[in-house]
Amino acid sequence: MARRSKMRGDIRLRRTLRNIHKTMDNELAPAMRKAAERVLSTQQQLMPRDTGAAAGALKIYVAPSGLDAQIGIRGKRDNRKFFYLRFIEFGTKGYRSGKRGGNRNQRSTNKSDGVHFFGKYPDIPARPAHPWLRPSMDVNREYVMADIEEAVRRTLRKASQGVGNA
């Protein structure tokens, strides 16, 4: 959700906010969590459902400083279990028997050396894409940016006034 920029001012702001987090309570982490939950709920609504297990596996992680948030499938076990989500998100090309790359014709016989059978040419249809990642960010972009900008503004105001931990 949050992209790192190569711009120099952005790096300085991040460093300042990280230092503020070490010395006082900042309002970034709650604002980032609220924004991440908003995007997560939109993702869960947009995700096509068969059993609903994949939508339930989406999780949020917000860094303690509030400068980074990750939304989606987290962890090796869930990544392995829900590997097929990328095929649903982006669609598949499909595989048609009879044609090879470059529209060249394929052998019509089975792959076999007489003793061992190596398989037939399957006819797998193409599947359309059902995106939910990008649309969930696009739908919530204005709300998320406004909330985070306000949290940064309040945190910097508190730091400039010298208000300590509340």
N, C-alpha and C. Protein backbone atom coordinates (compact mmCIF):
# COMPACT_ATOMS: atom_id res chain seq x y z
N MET A 1 0.82 -1.17 0.00
CA MET A 1 0.00 0.00 0.00
C MET A 1 0.88 1.25 0.00
N ALA A 2 1.81 1.35 0.90
CA ALA A 2 2.68 2.52 0.95
C ALA A 2 3.92 2.22 0.14
N ARG A 3 4.20 3.06 -0.84
CA ARG A 3 5.38 2.87 -1.66
C ARG A 3 6.48 3.78 -1.18
N ARG A 4 7.69 3.29 -1.25
CA ARG A 4 8.82 4.13 -0.88
C ARG A 4 9.26 4.92 -2.09
N SER A 5 9.58 6.14 -1.86
CA SER A 5 9.96 7.03 -2.93
C SER A 5 11.46 7.27 -2.89
N LYS A 6 12.02 7.58 -4.03
CA LYS A 6 13.44 7.89 -4.12
C LYS A 6 13.69 9.39 -3.88
N MET A 7 12.61 10.14 -3.70
CA MET A 7 12.77 11.58 -3.50
C MET A 7 13.42 11.86 -2.15
N ARG A 8 14.28 12.82 -2.10
CA ARG A 8 15.06 13.12 -0.90
C ARG A 8 14.18 13.62 0.24
N GLY A 9 13.21 14.45 -0.04
CA GLY A 9 12.33 14.97 1.01
C GLY A 9 11.54 13.88 1.69
N ASP A 10 11.12 12.89 0.92
CA ASP A 10 10.36 11.79 1.47
C ASP A 10 11.22 10.98 2.45
N ILE A 11 12.48 10.79 2.13
CA ILE A 11 13.38 10.04 3.00
C ILE A 11 13.60 10.80 4.31
N ARG A 12 13.76 12.11 4.20
CA ARG A 12 13.94 12.93 5.40
C ARG A 12 12.69 12.90 6.28
N LEU A 13 11.52 12.97 5.66
CA LEU A 13 10.27 12.92 6.43
C LEU A 13 10.12 11.58 7.13
N ARG A 14 10.43 10.50 6.43
CA ARG A 14 10.34 9.17 7.04
C ARG A 14 11.30 9.05 8.22
N ARG A 15 12.53 9.56 8.06
CA ARG A 15 13.50 9.51 9.15
C ARG A 15 13.00 10.33 10.34
N THR A 16 12.45 11.50 10.08
CA THR A 16 11.92 12.34 11.16
C THR A 16 10.78 11.65 11.88
N LEU A 17 9.87 11.04 11.12
CA LEU A 17 8.74 10.35 11.75
C LEU A 17 9.20 9.12 12.52
N ARG A 18 10.23 8.43 12.02
CA ARG A 18 10.76 7.27 12.74
C ARG A 18 11.39 7.71 14.07
N ASN A 19 12.11 8.83 14.05
CA ASN A 19 12.70 9.35 15.28
C ASN A 19 11.64 9.83 16.26
N ILE A 20 10.58 10.44 15.76
CA ILE A 20 9.47 10.87 16.62
C ILE A 20 8.83 9.67 17.28
N HIS A 21 8.69 8.58 16.53
CA HIS A 21 8.07 7.37 17.08
C HIS A 21 8.88 6.83 18.25
N LYS A 22 10.20 6.98 18.21
CA LYS A 22 11.03 6.46 19.29
C LYS A 22 10.90 7.29 20.56
N THR A 23 10.58 8.57 20.43
CA THR A 23 10.56 9.44 21.61
C THR A 23 9.17 9.75 22.14
N MET A 24 8.14 9.63 21.30
CA MET A 24 6.79 9.98 21.76
C MET A 24 5.75 9.16 21.01
N ASP A 25 4.54 9.19 21.51
CA ASP A 25 3.44 8.49 20.83
C ASP A 25 3.09 9.26 19.56
N ASN A 26 3.03 8.54 18.46
CA ASN A 26 2.60 9.20 17.24
C ASN A 26 1.23 8.65 16.85
N GLU A 27 0.59 9.34 15.96
CA GLU A 27 -0.75 8.96 15.55
C GLU A 27 -0.75 8.25 14.21
N LEU A 28 0.43 7.88 13.74
CA LEU A 28 0.52 7.23 12.43
C LEU A 28 0.03 5.79 12.45
N ALA A 29 0.44 5.03 13.46
CA ALA A 29 0.09 3.61 13.49
C ALA A 29 -1.43 3.40 13.52
N PRO A 30 -2.19 4.10 14.39
CA PRO A 30 -3.65 3.90 14.34
C PRO A 30 -4.27 4.34 13.01
N ALA A 31 -3.76 5.43 12.43
CA ALA A 31 -4.29 5.89 11.15
C ALA A 31 -3.98 4.89 10.05
N MET A 32 -2.77 4.33 10.08
CA MET A 32 -2.38 3.34 9.07
C MET A 32 -3.19 2.06 9.24
N ARG A 33 -3.44 1.65 10.47
CA ARG A 33 -4.25 0.46 10.72
C ARG A 33 -5.68 0.66 10.21
N LYS A 34 -6.24 1.84 10.48
CA LYS A 34 -7.60 2.15 10.02
C LYS A 34 -7.66 2.12 8.49
N ALA A 35 -6.65 2.69 7.84
CA ALA A 35 -6.61 2.69 6.38
C ALA A 35 -6.46 1.27 5.84
N ALA A 36 -5.60 0.48 6.48
CA ALA A 36 -5.39 -0.91 6.03
C ALA A 36 -6.66 -1.74 6.21
N GLU A 37 -7.38 -1.52 7.30
CA GLU A 37 -8.63 -2.26 7.51
C GLU A 37 -9.68 -1.87 6.47
N ARG A 38 -9.67 -0.62 6.08
CA ARG A 38 -10.61 -0.16 5.06
C ARG A 38 -10.32 -0.85 3.72
N VAL A 39 -9.03 -0.89 3.34
CA VAL A 39 -8.64 -1.55 2.09
C VAL A 39 -8.90 -3.05 2.17
N LEU A 40 -8.64 -3.66 3.32
CA LEU A 40 -8.88 -5.09 3.50
C LEU A 40 -10.36 -5.44 3.34
N SER A 41 -11.24 -4.63 3.93
CA SER A 41 -12.67 -4.93 3.80
C SER A 41 -13.12 -4.81 2.35
N THR A 42 -12.57 -3.86 1.62
CA THR A 42 -12.91 -3.73 0.20
C THR A 42 -12.39 -4.92 -0.58
N GLN A 43 -11.17 -5.38 -0.26
CA GLN A 43 -10.63 -6.56 -0.93
C GLN A 43 -11.52 -7.77 -0.70
N GLN A 44 -11.96 -7.95 0.53
CA GLN A 44 -12.79 -9.10 0.85
C GLN A 44 -14.14 -9.02 0.15
N GLN A 45 -14.65 -7.82 -0.08
CA GLN A 45 -15.91 -7.68 -0.80
C GLN A 45 -15.74 -7.96 -2.29
N LEU A 46 -14.62 -7.52 -2.86
CA LEU A 46 -14.39 -7.67 -4.29
C LEU A 46 -13.91 -9.06 -4.69
N MET A 47 -13.36 -9.82 -3.76
CA MET A 47 -12.80 -11.12 -4.07
C MET A 47 -13.90 -12.11 -4.44
N PRO A 48 -13.76 -12.81 -5.59
CA PRO A 48 -14.75 -13.83 -5.93
C PRO A 48 -14.70 -14.96 -4.90
N ARG A 49 -15.86 -15.46 -4.52
CA ARG A 49 -15.92 -16.46 -3.45
C ARG A 49 -16.43 -17.79 -3.97
N ASP A 50 -15.75 -18.82 -3.53
CA ASP A 50 -16.24 -20.18 -3.71
C ASP A 50 -16.56 -20.73 -2.33
N THR A 51 -15.55 -20.79 -1.48
CA THR A 51 -15.77 -21.21 -0.09
C THR A 51 -15.59 -20.05 0.88
N GLY A 52 -14.88 -19.00 0.46
CA GLY A 52 -14.62 -17.87 1.34
C GLY A 52 -13.36 -18.03 2.17
N ALA A 53 -12.65 -19.14 2.00
CA ALA A 53 -11.44 -19.38 2.79
C ALA A 53 -10.33 -18.40 2.40
N ALA A 54 -10.22 -18.08 1.12
CA ALA A 54 -9.17 -17.17 0.68
C ALA A 54 -9.40 -15.76 1.22
N ALA A 55 -10.64 -15.32 1.22
CA ALA A 55 -10.95 -13.99 1.75
C ALA A 55 -10.67 -13.94 3.25
N GLY A 56 -10.87 -15.04 3.94
CA GLY A 56 -10.59 -15.09 5.36
C GLY A 56 -9.10 -15.16 5.68
N ALA A 57 -8.29 -15.53 4.68
CA ALA A 57 -6.85 -15.65 4.90
C ALA A 57 -6.12 -14.32 4.74
N LEU A 58 -6.80 -13.30 4.23
CA LEU A 58 -6.16 -11.99 4.08
C LEU A 58 -5.92 -11.39 5.45
N LYS A 59 -4.72 -10.85 5.64
CA LYS A 59 -4.34 -10.30 6.95
C LYS A 59 -3.70 -8.94 6.78
N ILE A 60 -3.60 -8.23 7.90
CA ILE A 60 -2.98 -6.90 7.93
C ILE A 60 -1.77 -6.95 8.84
N TYR A 61 -0.70 -6.29 8.42
CA TYR A 61 0.45 -6.05 9.30
C TYR A 61 0.80 -4.57 9.20
N VAL A 62 0.85 -3.90 10.33
CA VAL A 62 1.26 -2.50 10.38
C VAL A 62 2.51 -2.43 11.24
N ALA A 63 3.55 -1.79 10.72
CA ALA A 63 4.80 -1.63 11.47
C ALA A 63 4.54 -0.81 12.73
N PRO A 64 5.28 -1.06 13.79
CA PRO A 64 5.06 -0.30 15.03
C PRO A 64 5.22 1.21 14.86
N SER A 65 6.08 1.63 13.92
CA SER A 65 6.25 3.06 13.70
C SER A 65 5.08 3.64 12.91
N GLY A 66 4.29 2.78 12.25
CA GLY A 66 3.17 3.26 11.46
C GLY A 66 3.56 3.72 10.08
N LEU A 67 4.79 3.50 9.67
CA LEU A 67 5.26 3.96 8.37
C LEU A 67 5.06 2.93 7.26
N ASP A 68 4.67 1.72 7.61
CA ASP A 68 4.53 0.67 6.62
C ASP A 68 3.34 -0.21 6.98
N ALA A 69 2.58 -0.59 5.97
CA ALA A 69 1.46 -1.51 6.17
C ALA A 69 1.46 -2.52 5.02
N GLN A 70 1.16 -3.76 5.36
CA GLN A 70 1.07 -4.81 4.36
C GLN A 70 -0.29 -5.48 4.51
N ILE A 71 -0.95 -5.67 3.38
CA ILE A 71 -2.28 -6.26 3.37
C ILE A 71 -2.27 -7.40 2.37
N GLY A 72 -2.76 -8.55 2.78
CA GLY A 72 -2.85 -9.67 1.85
C GLY A 72 -2.54 -10.98 2.53
N ILE A 73 -2.12 -11.95 1.72
CA ILE A 73 -1.76 -13.27 2.22
C ILE A 73 -0.38 -13.14 2.86
N ARG A 74 -0.28 -13.46 4.12
CA ARG A 74 0.99 -13.36 4.85
C ARG A 74 1.35 -14.72 5.40
N GLY A 75 2.61 -15.08 5.28
CA GLY A 75 3.09 -16.34 5.82
C GLY A 75 3.27 -17.38 4.75
N LYS A 76 4.24 -18.24 4.95
CA LYS A 76 4.58 -19.26 3.97
C LYS A 76 3.45 -20.28 3.79
N ARG A 77 2.84 -20.69 4.88
CA ARG A 77 1.78 -21.70 4.80
C ARG A 77 0.59 -21.19 3.98
N ASP A 78 0.15 -19.97 4.26
CA ASP A 78 -0.98 -19.43 3.51
C ASP A 78 -0.61 -19.15 2.05
N ASN A 79 0.63 -18.72 1.80
CA ASN A 79 1.05 -18.51 0.42
C ASN A 79 1.01 -19.81 -0.38
N ARG A 80 1.40 -20.89 0.25
CA ARG A 80 1.34 -22.19 -0.44
C ARG A 80 -0.09 -22.67 -0.61
N LYS A 81 -0.91 -22.45 0.41
CA LYS A 81 -2.28 -22.94 0.38
C LYS A 81 -3.14 -22.18 -0.63
N PHE A 82 -2.89 -20.87 -0.76
CA PHE A 82 -3.72 -20.04 -1.63
C PHE A 82 -2.93 -19.53 -2.83
N PHE A 83 -2.08 -20.40 -3.40
CA PHE A 83 -1.26 -20.02 -4.55
C PHE A 83 -2.12 -19.67 -5.75
N TYR A 84 -3.31 -20.22 -5.83
CA TYR A 84 -4.16 -20.05 -7.00
C TYR A 84 -4.78 -18.66 -7.09
N LEU A 85 -4.66 -17.85 -6.05
CA LEU A 85 -5.26 -16.52 -6.09
C LEU A 85 -4.67 -15.65 -7.19
N ARG A 86 -3.40 -15.86 -7.53
CA ARG A 86 -2.81 -15.07 -8.61
C ARG A 86 -3.47 -15.40 -9.94
N PHE A 87 -3.92 -16.65 -10.11
CA PHE A 87 -4.59 -17.02 -11.36
C PHE A 87 -5.98 -16.39 -11.43
N ILE A 88 -6.63 -16.27 -10.29
CA ILE A 88 -7.94 -15.61 -10.25
C ILE A 88 -7.78 -14.12 -10.47
N GLU A 89 -6.78 -13.53 -9.82
CA GLU A 89 -6.55 -12.08 -9.91
C GLU A 89 -6.21 -11.65 -11.34
N PHE A 90 -5.29 -12.35 -12.01
CA PHE A 90 -4.80 -11.92 -13.30
C PHE A 90 -5.37 -12.71 -14.48
N GLY A 91 -6.08 -13.82 -14.22
CA GLY A 91 -6.63 -14.64 -15.29
C GLY A 91 -5.57 -15.59 -15.83
N THR A 92 -5.98 -16.47 -16.72
CA THR A 92 -5.05 -17.41 -17.33
C THR A 92 -5.19 -17.36 -18.84
N LYS A 93 -4.14 -17.74 -19.50
CA LYS A 93 -4.11 -17.71 -20.95
C LYS A 93 -4.88 -18.89 -21.54
N GLY A 94 -4.83 -20.02 -20.88
CA GLY A 94 -5.47 -21.22 -21.42
C GLY A 94 -4.50 -21.99 -22.30
N TYR A 95 -4.91 -23.19 -22.67
CA TYR A 95 -4.07 -24.03 -23.51
C TYR A 95 -4.99 -24.78 -24.45
N ARG A 96 -4.77 -24.61 -25.73
CA ARG A 96 -5.59 -25.25 -26.74
C ARG A 96 -4.80 -26.35 -27.41
N SER A 97 -5.38 -27.51 -27.49
CA SER A 97 -4.67 -28.58 -28.18
C SER A 97 -4.75 -28.34 -29.68
N GLY A 98 -3.72 -28.76 -30.37
CA GLY A 98 -3.71 -28.61 -31.82
C GLY A 98 -2.84 -27.47 -32.28
N LYS A 99 -2.57 -26.48 -31.44
CA LYS A 99 -1.75 -25.34 -31.84
C LYS A 99 -0.58 -25.17 -30.89
N ARG A 100 0.55 -24.79 -31.43
CA ARG A 100 1.72 -24.49 -30.63
C ARG A 100 2.00 -23.01 -30.71
N GLY A 101 3.08 -22.60 -30.07
CA GLY A 101 3.46 -21.20 -30.13
C GLY A 101 3.71 -20.77 -31.56
N GLY A 102 3.36 -19.55 -31.87
CA GLY A 102 3.55 -19.06 -33.23
C GLY A 102 2.51 -19.61 -34.18
N ASN A 103 1.42 -20.16 -33.63
CA ASN A 103 0.29 -20.68 -34.40
C ASN A 103 0.70 -21.84 -35.30
N ARG A 104 1.74 -22.59 -34.88
CA ARG A 104 2.17 -23.76 -35.65
C ARG A 104 1.34 -24.96 -35.22
N ASN A 105 1.13 -25.89 -36.10
CA ASN A 105 0.35 -27.08 -35.78
C ASN A 105 1.15 -28.03 -34.90
N GLN A 106 0.43 -28.78 -34.08
CA GLN A 106 1.03 -29.70 -33.15
C GLN A 106 0.84 -31.12 -33.65
N ARG A 107 1.65 -32.04 -33.12
CA ARG A 107 1.45 -33.45 -33.47
C ARG A 107 0.06 -33.88 -33.05
N SER A 108 -0.59 -34.64 -33.84
CA SER A 108 -1.94 -35.11 -33.49
C SER A 108 -1.88 -36.41 -32.70
N THR A 109 -0.72 -37.04 -32.63
CA THR A 109 -0.61 -38.30 -31.90
C THR A 109 -0.20 -38.04 -30.45
N ASN A 110 -0.45 -39.02 -29.60
CA ASN A 110 -0.03 -38.92 -28.20
C ASN A 110 1.48 -38.98 -28.11
N LYS A 111 1.99 -38.42 -27.03
CA LYS A 111 3.42 -38.49 -26.78
C LYS A 111 3.71 -39.85 -26.18
N SER A 112 4.38 -40.69 -26.91
CA SER A 112 4.68 -42.02 -26.43
C SER A 112 5.86 -42.57 -27.22
N ASP A 113 6.68 -43.35 -26.53
CA ASP A 113 7.76 -44.03 -27.24
C ASP A 113 7.45 -45.50 -27.45
N GLY A 114 6.18 -45.86 -27.28
CA GLY A 114 5.76 -47.24 -27.45
C GLY A 114 5.64 -47.97 -26.13
N VAL A 115 6.44 -47.60 -25.15
CA VAL A 115 6.42 -48.24 -23.84
C VAL A 115 5.85 -47.30 -22.79
N HIS A 116 6.34 -46.08 -22.81
CA HIS A 116 5.92 -45.10 -21.81
C HIS A 116 4.98 -44.08 -22.44
N PHE A 117 3.95 -43.71 -21.70
CA PHE A 117 2.99 -42.72 -22.15
C PHE A 117 3.31 -41.39 -21.47
N PHE A 118 3.50 -40.34 -22.24
CA PHE A 118 3.91 -39.05 -21.69
C PHE A 118 2.78 -38.04 -21.61
N GLY A 119 1.57 -38.40 -21.92
CA GLY A 119 0.44 -37.50 -21.74
C GLY A 119 -0.17 -37.04 -23.04
N LYS A 120 -1.39 -36.58 -22.93
CA LYS A 120 -2.10 -36.04 -24.09
C LYS A 120 -2.01 -34.53 -24.06
N TYR A 121 -2.50 -33.90 -25.07
CA TYR A 121 -2.56 -32.46 -25.12
C TYR A 121 -3.90 -32.01 -24.54
N PRO A 122 -3.88 -31.40 -23.40
CA PRO A 122 -5.14 -31.02 -22.77
C PRO A 122 -5.77 -29.81 -23.46
N ASP A 123 -7.04 -29.66 -23.26
CA ASP A 123 -7.75 -28.49 -23.76
C ASP A 123 -8.23 -27.70 -22.55
N ILE A 124 -7.41 -26.73 -22.11
CA ILE A 124 -7.70 -25.96 -20.92
C ILE A 124 -8.19 -24.59 -21.36
N PRO A 125 -9.39 -24.20 -20.96
CA PRO A 125 -9.91 -22.90 -21.41
C PRO A 125 -9.24 -21.74 -20.67
N ALA A 126 -9.21 -20.59 -21.32
CA ALA A 126 -8.69 -19.39 -20.70
C ALA A 126 -9.70 -18.89 -19.67
N ARG A 127 -9.21 -18.34 -18.57
CA ARG A 127 -10.07 -17.80 -17.52
C ARG A 127 -9.90 -16.29 -17.47
N PRO A 128 -10.99 -15.56 -17.37
CA PRO A 128 -10.86 -14.10 -17.30
C PRO A 128 -10.32 -13.66 -15.94
N ALA A 129 -9.75 -12.49 -15.92
CA ALA A 129 -9.22 -11.94 -14.67
C ALA A 129 -10.36 -11.40 -13.82
N HIS A 130 -10.25 -11.59 -12.51
CA HIS A 130 -11.19 -11.03 -11.53
C HIS A 130 -10.38 -10.25 -10.50
N PRO A 131 -9.91 -9.05 -10.87
CA PRO A 131 -9.01 -8.32 -9.96
C PRO A 131 -9.73 -7.81 -8.72
N TRP A 132 -9.00 -7.82 -7.62
CA TRP A 132 -9.51 -7.21 -6.39
C TRP A 132 -8.43 -6.41 -5.67
N LEU A 133 -7.16 -6.68 -5.96
CA LEU A 133 -6.08 -5.96 -5.27
C LEU A 133 -6.03 -4.50 -5.68
N ARG A 134 -5.83 -4.26 -6.95
CA ARG A 134 -5.70 -2.88 -7.44
C ARG A 134 -6.99 -2.08 -7.27
N PRO A 135 -8.16 -2.64 -7.60
CA PRO A 135 -9.39 -1.87 -7.41
C PRO A 135 -9.64 -1.48 -5.96
N SER A 136 -9.25 -2.34 -5.02
CA SER A 136 -9.47 -1.99 -3.61
C SER A 136 -8.61 -0.80 -3.20
N MET A 137 -7.42 -0.69 -3.77
CA MET A 137 -6.57 0.47 -3.48
C MET A 137 -7.10 1.71 -4.19
N ASP A 138 -7.55 1.55 -5.43
CA ASP A 138 -8.04 2.69 -6.20
C ASP A 138 -9.31 3.29 -5.58
N VAL A 139 -10.19 2.43 -5.09
CA VAL A 139 -11.45 2.90 -4.50
C VAL A 139 -11.20 3.71 -3.24
N ASN A 140 -10.23 3.30 -2.45
CA ASN A 140 -9.99 3.92 -1.14
C ASN A 140 -8.85 4.93 -1.12
N ARG A 141 -8.22 5.20 -2.24
CA ARG A 141 -7.02 6.03 -2.27
C ARG A 141 -7.21 7.41 -1.63
N GLU A 142 -8.28 8.12 -1.96
CA GLU A 142 -8.49 9.47 -1.44
C GLU A 142 -8.70 9.46 0.07
N TYR A 143 -9.51 8.52 0.56
CA TYR A 143 -9.78 8.43 2.00
C TYR A 143 -8.50 8.10 2.77
N VAL A 144 -7.77 7.12 2.25
CA VAL A 144 -6.55 6.68 2.92
C VAL A 144 -5.51 7.80 2.96
N MET A 145 -5.31 8.46 1.82
CA MET A 145 -4.32 9.54 1.77
C MET A 145 -4.72 10.70 2.68
N ALA A 146 -5.98 11.03 2.73
CA ALA A 146 -6.43 12.13 3.60
C ALA A 146 -6.21 11.77 5.07
N ASP A 147 -6.54 10.54 5.46
CA ASP A 147 -6.37 10.13 6.86
C ASP A 147 -4.89 10.11 7.25
N ILE A 148 -4.04 9.60 6.38
CA ILE A 148 -2.62 9.51 6.70
C ILE A 148 -1.98 10.89 6.72
N GLU A 149 -2.35 11.75 5.78
CA GLU A 149 -1.81 13.11 5.77
C GLU A 149 -2.20 13.86 7.05
N GLU A 150 -3.44 13.68 7.49
CA GLU A 150 -3.87 14.33 8.73
C GLU A 150 -3.11 13.78 9.93
N ALA A 151 -2.86 12.47 9.97
CA ALA A 151 -2.11 11.88 11.08
C ALA A 151 -0.67 12.39 11.09
N VAL A 152 -0.05 12.51 9.92
CA VAL A 152 1.31 13.04 9.84
C VAL A 152 1.32 14.49 10.31
N ARG A 153 0.34 15.26 9.87
CA ARG A 153 0.26 16.66 10.27
C ARG A 153 0.13 16.80 11.79
N ARG A 154 -0.76 16.00 12.40
CA ARG A 154 -0.96 16.06 13.85
C ARG A 154 0.30 15.62 14.60
N THR A 155 0.95 14.57 14.09
CA THR A 155 2.17 14.08 14.75
C THR A 155 3.28 15.12 14.69
N LEU A 156 3.47 15.74 13.52
CA LEU A 156 4.50 16.77 13.41
C LEU A 156 4.17 18.00 14.25
N ARG A 157 2.90 18.34 14.35
CA ARG A 157 2.49 19.46 15.19
C ARG A 157 2.80 19.18 16.64
N LYS A 158 2.47 17.97 17.11
CA LYS A 158 2.77 17.59 18.50
C LYS A 158 4.28 17.62 18.76
N ALA A 159 5.06 17.13 17.79
CA ALA A 159 6.51 17.10 17.98
C ALA A 159 7.09 18.51 17.99
N SER A 160 6.57 19.40 17.16
CA SER A 160 7.10 20.75 17.12
C SER A 160 6.74 21.56 18.37
N GLN A 161 5.61 21.21 18.98
CA GLN A 161 5.22 21.90 20.21
C GLN A 161 5.88 21.31 21.44
N GLY A 162 6.56 20.19 21.25
CA GLY A 162 7.28 19.57 22.35
C GLY A 162 6.39 18.80 23.29
N VAL A 163 5.23 18.38 22.84
CA VAL A 163 4.33 17.60 23.68
C VAL A 163 4.88 16.19 23.76
N GLY A 164 5.10 15.68 24.96
CA GLY A 164 5.65 14.34 25.14
C GLY A 164 4.57 13.28 25.08
N ASN A 165 4.85 12.15 25.67
CA ASN A 165 3.88 11.06 25.70
C ASN A 165 2.65 11.49 26.48
N ALA A 166 1.52 11.21 25.92
CA ALA A 166 0.28 11.62 26.58
C ALA A 166 -0.29 10.50 27.42
